[in-house]
């Protein structure tokens, strides 16, 4: 199986199918584990990701280093990605808040359910595991198949698949944007550690902010607010989002300029030009993407 958008879309679709039907074989395994939340989540993540990864590598037999973009990050990139991941929080929170006006906020409900879990275990479950498993799969296996596309098309398709994998409209709204940014980081730096770092930081900050909110407000009030979001509730998020927009754009500009000058880009302009003919033959729309979209719409509508 050669690298192509069809192979990337198929890899994402296989993962989602495993997410939907893994209970058939994962249920008995999980139920046999000791009563340890961290262990249960760790085994569950392994059961979700290891089978699709194994299938992909058996079929495609790709180069591991190229697939996962295993390249060290420079100190400058680490610094810039940390700043961007912090400054983008108001914007992502605004998107999440606006979408909560129309759709149930599953992520907020999940974080509230973790209120009594030790802080370290919560961070491992909500931040470290997604930064490892999701980046390995979506910015590694899936995104590595989009090299025949230009940067914009590759990042948008990568973000679209990542957003739809959450299987609900509320999380799709911001996961789509995060997916584009994570793909952009990998494309510009040539390193999956860039997106893993940003993913970990964004999730960690959200988890910590949620923990502070749960300590400051009674659980009943938090639950009521998450279920009955009004436009007045989201105005502070929009306000801070607008204030942070100019410095955020500036940071992205510096990041882009630095990596362009450092020649870190995953696909050079010469390689991109050479791939043009290949991309013309590699249809963006194919049956795995259409099937994935149908599954996403079905579960998204069902969860409303």
Foldseek 3Di string as FASTA:
>chain_A
DAQFLVQLLQLLLVLLVCVVPVCVPVVVVLVPDPPDVLVSLVVVLCSSFVVSVVVSCVVPVDDQCLLQLADDDDPVLLVLLLVLLVLCLLVLLLQLLVVLQPAADPVLVVLLVCQPPDPVSVLCNQFLSCLPRVLCRLLGNNLSSCLLADLQVSLQLSLQSQLLSVLADSSSRNSSVLSSVQNVQCQLQSHSVSSSSSRRSNRSVVSVVSNVVCVVDPPVVSVVCSNNPDPVNSVVSVVSNVVSVVVSVVSVVVSNVVSVVVVRGNADPVNNVVSNVVNVVRDNDDDSNVVSVVSSVVSHVVND
